[in-house]
């Protein structure tokens, strides 16, 4: 039976970061670009919303709180947020495919392995199908668990509580196992240049718990990195707040904090650029460490098969 090495798979992410740091930076920058764009739209909108709020001491404050202008600003805020989420999901499919491609077809390294073609479409469709399927499976499992829990609880309340707790744990464990079981479908779609639902499922056959364990190790590793990075970010934000504190204390009580924030960012734009560069590199590295191991596992399990490496490349858009 074919096997894969968890150590080799996890190490693939580190090797990819070391081998192609510029690509990792570009991947992180592309992923963060929708967020940066949304912030550029949201902060001014929040400033205008704050400025259009009526005076709290006014007798008509409650009646005018949701004026037509404020409602318009709120709608723009929601639209910018929704647009950012949609764009980020689309960019995610492109970047995930680029990471799969960098591991599975490393010779296609031009343009940082980023394309817009059939590979990306396949990964997007596979990801959407898996997401919807997992969501439906979880909903059905929860409803069944609730029904069983209430049925047992009708006879014995304590037994019902324990049954519900055990079933909840089983649902969570089953969800993560199922995620591991389908985790090779997306990279297999890039490897075989096809909607590889059957191929990816077959590659992971008998490897569900091994993939589950690898996923758990990856998340523990990422959690440790998040804690370290989060501590550094907290210290940095504390320093920024400390430098802004004198100006904030001298602000009038009715001053617009968002306008002041925009003014501070305009005056210190270079720090925003530095933070964006560092953030893009960190985010790109984290994505690579999370995604590359599954492409490596897919490649190891399929090494005896014949991938479409030598086939003519599909036309790219």
Protein backbone atom coordinates (compact mmCIF):
# COMPACT_ATOMS: atom_id res chain seq x y z
CA UNK A 1 0.00 0.00 0.00
CA UNK A 2 1.34 3.43 -0.95
CA UNK A 3 2.25 5.71 1.93
CA UNK A 4 3.35 9.28 2.40
CA UNK A 5 5.72 10.87 4.88
CA UNK A 6 4.17 13.46 7.18
CA UNK A 7 7.61 14.91 7.91
CA UNK A 8 8.43 15.26 4.22
CA UNK A 9 5.03 16.81 3.53
CA UNK A 10 5.29 19.41 6.29
CA UNK A 11 8.90 20.10 5.36
CA UNK A 12 7.80 20.87 1.79
CA UNK A 13 6.22 24.11 3.01
CA UNK A 14 9.46 25.28 4.63
CA UNK A 15 11.47 24.28 1.57
CA UNK A 16 9.13 26.21 -0.70
CA UNK A 17 9.40 29.33 1.49
CA UNK A 18 13.21 29.09 1.43
CA UNK A 19 13.37 28.32 -2.30
CA UNK A 20 10.91 30.95 -3.53
CA UNK A 21 10.61 33.77 -0.96
CA UNK A 22 9.58 36.36 -3.56
CA UNK A 23 6.71 34.17 -4.74
CA UNK A 24 5.63 33.66 -1.13
CA UNK A 25 5.63 37.44 -0.64
CA UNK A 26 3.55 37.98 -3.80
CA UNK A 27 1.06 35.30 -2.72
CA UNK A 28 0.61 36.99 0.65
CA UNK A 29 0.34 40.43 -0.95
CA UNK A 30 -2.35 39.27 -3.37
CA UNK A 31 -4.31 37.68 -0.50
CA UNK A 32 -4.12 40.85 1.60
CA UNK A 33 -4.86 43.25 -1.29
CA UNK A 34 -8.68 42.93 -0.97
CA UNK A 35 -8.40 43.66 2.76
CA UNK A 36 -6.21 46.71 2.13
CA UNK A 37 -8.66 47.90 -0.52
CA UNK A 38 -11.63 47.43 1.79
CA UNK A 39 -9.89 49.39 4.56
CA UNK A 40 -9.17 52.20 2.12
CA UNK A 41 -12.91 52.41 1.43
CA UNK A 42 -14.20 51.68 4.92
CA UNK A 43 -12.14 54.14 6.97
CA UNK A 44 -13.25 57.24 5.01
CA UNK A 45 -16.84 55.93 5.07
CA UNK A 46 -16.66 55.48 8.84
CA UNK A 47 -15.31 59.02 9.14
CA UNK A 48 -18.20 60.41 7.10
CA UNK A 49 -20.70 58.37 9.14
CA UNK A 50 -19.26 59.79 12.35
CA UNK A 51 -19.32 63.32 10.96
CA UNK A 52 -22.95 62.99 9.85
CA UNK A 53 -24.15 61.79 13.27
CA UNK A 54 -26.43 64.36 14.95
CA UNK A 55 -25.49 66.09 18.15
CA UNK A 56 -26.40 63.89 21.11
CA UNK A 57 -27.75 66.93 22.95
CA UNK A 58 -30.12 67.77 20.13
CA UNK A 59 -33.77 67.08 20.78
CA UNK A 60 -34.09 65.58 17.35
CA UNK A 61 -31.03 63.34 17.76
CA UNK A 62 -32.98 60.10 17.91
CA UNK A 63 -35.13 61.01 14.92
CA UNK A 64 -32.16 62.00 12.79
CA UNK A 65 -29.81 59.22 13.92
CA UNK A 66 -30.55 57.17 10.87
CA UNK A 67 -30.77 59.91 8.32
CA UNK A 68 -30.73 59.15 4.65
CA UNK A 69 -27.07 60.15 4.39
CA UNK A 70 -26.05 57.84 7.23
CA UNK A 71 -28.01 54.94 5.77
CA UNK A 72 -26.20 55.50 2.49
CA UNK A 73 -22.83 55.43 4.23
CA UNK A 74 -23.79 52.22 6.06
CA UNK A 75 -24.80 50.59 2.78
CA UNK A 76 -21.46 51.57 1.24
CA UNK A 77 -19.72 50.09 4.27
CA UNK A 78 -21.57 46.78 3.91
CA UNK A 79 -21.03 46.71 0.14
CA UNK A 80 -17.29 47.28 0.53
CA UNK A 81 -17.09 44.51 3.12
CA UNK A 82 -19.07 42.02 0.99
CA UNK A 83 -17.07 42.88 -2.13
CA UNK A 84 -13.83 42.37 -0.22
CA UNK A 85 -14.98 38.92 0.96
CA UNK A 86 -16.00 37.80 -2.54
CA UNK A 87 -12.76 39.04 -4.12
CA UNK A 88 -10.72 37.40 -1.38
CA UNK A 89 -12.41 34.03 -2.01
CA UNK A 90 -11.60 34.30 -5.71
CA UNK A 91 -8.01 35.31 -4.99
CA UNK A 92 -7.75 32.42 -2.52
CA UNK A 93 -8.54 29.93 -5.30
CA UNK A 94 -5.83 31.50 -7.48
CA UNK A 95 -3.19 31.51 -4.72
CA UNK A 96 -3.99 27.99 -3.50
CA UNK A 97 -3.61 26.79 -7.08
CA UNK A 98 -0.30 28.64 -7.37
CA UNK A 99 1.01 26.85 -4.25
CA UNK A 100 -0.20 23.48 -5.56
CA UNK A 101 1.45 24.23 -8.90
CA UNK A 102 4.73 25.27 -7.27
CA UNK A 103 4.91 21.88 -5.53
CA UNK A 104 3.46 19.63 -8.23
CA UNK A 105 4.75 21.36 -11.37
CA UNK A 106 7.77 23.37 -10.18
CA UNK A 107 9.02 23.98 -13.72
CA UNK A 108 6.04 26.29 -14.30
CA UNK A 109 7.51 28.98 -12.08
CA UNK A 110 7.05 32.08 -14.23
CA UNK A 111 4.82 34.87 -12.87
CA UNK A 112 5.23 33.38 -9.37
CA UNK A 113 3.22 30.30 -10.47
CA UNK A 114 0.13 32.53 -10.59
CA UNK A 115 -2.23 31.95 -13.51
CA UNK A 116 -5.86 32.45 -14.40
CA UNK A 117 -6.94 29.34 -16.25
CA UNK A 118 -8.60 25.96 -15.97
CA UNK A 119 -6.51 24.88 -12.96
CA UNK A 120 -7.87 27.80 -10.98
CA UNK A 121 -11.41 27.09 -12.12
CA UNK A 122 -11.11 23.45 -11.07
CA UNK A 123 -9.74 24.35 -7.63
CA UNK A 124 -12.50 26.94 -7.14
CA UNK A 125 -15.24 24.47 -8.12
CA UNK A 126 -13.73 21.71 -5.99
CA UNK A 127 -13.40 24.04 -3.00
CA UNK A 128 -16.99 25.25 -3.35
CA UNK A 129 -18.31 21.70 -3.70
CA UNK A 130 -16.35 20.48 -0.67
CA UNK A 131 -17.41 23.49 1.40
CA UNK A 132 -21.10 23.02 0.58
CA UNK A 133 -20.86 19.26 1.12
CA UNK A 134 -19.20 19.62 4.51
CA UNK A 135 -21.73 22.27 5.56
CA UNK A 136 -24.66 20.02 4.66
CA UNK A 137 -23.05 17.02 6.38
CA UNK A 138 -22.47 19.01 9.58
CA UNK A 139 -26.05 20.34 9.59
CA UNK A 140 -27.48 16.84 9.15
CA UNK A 141 -25.18 15.39 11.82
CA UNK A 142 -26.08 18.15 14.30
CA UNK A 143 -29.81 17.71 13.70
CA UNK A 144 -29.50 13.95 14.20
CA UNK A 145 -27.43 14.49 17.34
CA UNK A 146 -29.93 16.95 18.77
CA UNK A 147 -32.78 14.55 18.04
CA UNK A 148 -30.98 11.65 19.72
CA UNK A 149 -29.96 13.84 22.66
CA UNK A 150 -33.52 15.02 23.25
CA UNK A 151 -34.81 11.47 22.88
CA UNK A 152 -32.40 10.16 25.52
CA UNK A 153 -32.94 13.24 27.70
CA UNK A 154 -36.68 12.62 27.79
CA UNK A 155 -36.00 9.44 29.79
CA UNK A 156 -32.96 10.64 31.77
CA UNK A 157 -31.79 14.25 31.79
CA UNK A 158 -28.23 13.44 32.87
CA UNK A 159 -27.91 10.72 30.26
CA UNK A 160 -29.27 13.15 27.67
CA UNK A 161 -26.62 15.76 28.54
CA UNK A 162 -23.81 13.23 28.37
CA UNK A 163 -25.16 11.79 25.14
CA UNK A 164 -25.34 15.26 23.61
CA UNK A 165 -21.77 16.04 24.69
CA UNK A 166 -20.45 12.75 23.26
CA UNK A 167 -22.35 13.26 20.00
CA UNK A 168 -21.06 16.84 19.70
CA UNK A 169 -17.50 15.62 20.15
CA UNK A 170 -18.13 12.89 17.57
CA UNK A 171 -19.49 15.44 15.08
CA UNK A 172 -16.44 17.70 15.53
CA UNK A 173 -14.04 14.78 15.20
CA UNK A 174 -15.93 13.42 12.21
CA UNK A 175 -15.93 16.82 10.52
CA UNK A 176 -12.15 17.16 10.84
CA UNK A 177 -11.64 13.56 9.66
CA UNK A 178 -13.86 14.20 6.64
CA UNK A 179 -11.93 17.40 5.87
CA UNK A 180 -8.72 15.36 5.93
CA UNK A 181 -10.32 12.67 3.77
CA UNK A 182 -11.17 15.15 0.99
CA UNK A 183 -8.01 17.28 1.40
CA UNK A 184 -6.24 15.73 -1.61
CA UNK A 185 -9.00 16.43 -4.13
CA UNK A 186 -7.91 20.03 -4.83
CA UNK A 187 -4.18 19.29 -5.32
CA UNK A 188 -5.08 16.18 -7.34
CA UNK A 189 -7.13 18.42 -9.64
CA UNK A 190 -3.97 20.41 -10.37
CA UNK A 191 -1.84 17.28 -10.69
CA UNK A 192 -4.14 15.49 -13.12
CA UNK A 193 -5.54 18.64 -14.80
CA UNK A 194 -9.06 17.39 -14.16
CA UNK A 195 -11.91 17.69 -11.65
CA UNK A 196 -10.23 14.98 -9.58
CA UNK A 197 -12.99 14.14 -7.10
CA UNK A 198 -12.56 10.39 -7.67
CA UNK A 199 -8.76 10.51 -7.96
CA UNK A 200 -8.30 12.63 -4.83
CA UNK A 201 -10.71 10.49 -2.83
CA UNK A 202 -8.91 7.34 -3.96
CA UNK A 203 -5.46 8.76 -3.13
CA UNK A 204 -6.63 9.50 0.42
CA UNK A 205 -8.21 6.08 0.84
CA UNK A 206 -6.83 4.49 3.99
CA UNK A 207 -4.91 7.70 4.81
CA UNK A 208 -7.71 9.59 6.58
CA UNK A 209 -6.20 9.42 10.06
CA UNK A 210 -2.68 10.11 8.79
CA UNK A 211 -3.95 13.20 6.96
CA UNK A 212 -5.93 14.16 10.04
CA UNK A 213 -2.78 13.92 12.16
CA UNK A 214 -0.80 15.97 9.65
CA UNK A 215 -3.52 18.61 9.61
CA UNK A 216 -3.48 18.72 13.42
CA UNK A 217 0.31 19.16 13.47
CA UNK A 218 0.05 21.93 10.89
CA UNK A 219 -2.58 23.79 12.91
CA UNK A 220 -0.55 23.46 16.11
CA UNK A 221 2.50 24.82 14.27
CA UNK A 222 0.48 27.70 12.78
CA UNK A 223 -1.05 28.44 16.20
CA UNK A 224 2.43 28.76 17.69
CA UNK A 225 3.47 31.13 14.91
CA UNK A 226 0.26 33.14 15.36
CA UNK A 227 0.94 33.53 19.07
CA UNK A 228 4.46 34.82 18.43
CA UNK A 229 3.36 37.14 15.64
CA UNK A 230 0.35 38.28 17.65
CA UNK A 231 2.60 39.21 20.57
CA UNK A 232 4.85 41.22 18.26
CA UNK A 233 1.83 42.95 16.71
CA UNK A 234 0.43 43.79 20.16
CA UNK A 235 3.76 45.33 21.18
CA UNK A 236 3.92 47.30 17.92
CA UNK A 237 0.35 48.56 18.26
CA UNK A 238 1.09 49.53 21.84
CA UNK A 239 4.04 51.58 20.62
CA UNK A 240 1.92 53.27 17.94
CA UNK A 241 -0.82 54.08 20.44
CA UNK A 242 1.77 55.48 22.83
CA UNK A 243 3.09 57.82 20.13
CA UNK A 244 -0.45 58.91 19.23
CA UNK A 245 -1.60 59.35 22.84
CA UNK A 246 -0.50 63.01 23.27
CA UNK A 247 -2.37 64.00 20.13
CA UNK A 248 -5.42 61.98 21.17
CA UNK A 249 -5.49 63.57 24.62
CA UNK A 250 -5.41 67.05 23.08
CA UNK A 251 -8.31 66.24 20.74
CA UNK A 252 -11.64 67.95 21.45
CA UNK A 253 -14.28 65.65 22.83
CA UNK A 254 -16.40 66.02 19.69
CA UNK A 255 -13.51 65.38 17.28
CA UNK A 256 -13.85 62.74 14.59
CA UNK A 257 -11.47 59.88 15.56
CA UNK A 258 -11.60 58.34 12.08
CA UNK A 259 -10.61 61.61 10.45
CA UNK A 260 -7.72 61.89 12.89
CA UNK A 261 -6.71 58.31 12.10
CA UNK A 262 -6.80 59.00 8.36
CA UNK A 263 -4.68 62.11 8.87
CA UNK A 264 -2.16 60.18 10.97
CA UNK A 265 -1.92 57.42 8.37
CA UNK A 266 -1.47 59.97 5.58
CA UNK A 267 1.38 61.59 7.51
CA UNK A 268 3.00 58.22 8.37
CA UNK A 269 2.26 56.29 5.18
CA UNK A 270 5.72 54.75 5.09
CA UNK A 271 5.00 52.77 8.26
CA UNK A 272 1.85 51.42 6.62
CA UNK A 273 3.97 50.31 3.64
CA UNK A 274 6.50 48.59 5.92
CA UNK A 275 3.70 46.90 7.86
CA UNK A 276 2.08 45.78 4.60
CA UNK A 277 5.33 44.27 3.31
CA UNK A 278 5.99 42.41 6.55
CA UNK A 279 2.37 41.30 6.81
CA UNK A 280 2.34 40.02 3.22
CA UNK A 281 5.50 37.97 3.80
CA UNK A 282 4.16 36.47 7.03
CA UNK A 283 0.74 35.73 5.57
CA UNK A 284 2.24 34.21 2.43
CA UNK A 285 4.53 32.01 4.51
CA UNK A 286 1.64 30.85 6.71
CA UNK A 287 -0.47 29.95 3.66
CA UNK A 288 2.44 28.07 2.13
CA UNK A 289 3.06 26.11 5.32
CA UNK A 290 -0.65 25.20 5.47
CA UNK A 291 -1.24 24.28 1.81
CA UNK A 292 2.02 22.87 0.47
CA UNK A 293 1.99 19.73 2.71
CA UNK A 294 -1.19 18.44 1.07
CA UNK A 295 0.26 18.96 -2.41
CA UNK A 296 3.37 17.06 -1.29
CA UNK A 297 1.28 14.21 0.15
CA UNK A 298 -0.70 14.08 -3.10
CA UNK A 299 2.51 13.90 -5.13
CA UNK A 300 3.98 11.15 -2.94
CA UNK A 301 0.84 9.02 -3.13
CA UNK A 302 0.52 9.50 -6.88
CA UNK A 303 4.21 9.03 -7.72
CA UNK A 304 3.60 5.62 -9.26
CA UNK A 305 0.78 6.94 -11.45
CA UNK A 306 1.25 9.05 -14.56
CA UNK A 307 0.34 12.70 -13.98
CA UNK A 308 -0.25 15.00 -16.89
CA UNK A 309 3.18 16.65 -16.47
CA UNK A 310 4.22 15.96 -20.04
CA UNK A 311 0.85 16.79 -21.53
CA UNK A 312 0.41 20.01 -23.46
CA UNK A 313 -0.46 22.81 -21.04
CA UNK A 314 -4.07 23.84 -20.98
CA UNK A 315 -4.71 27.27 -22.53
CA UNK A 316 -4.41 29.98 -19.90
CA UNK A 317 -6.65 33.04 -19.81
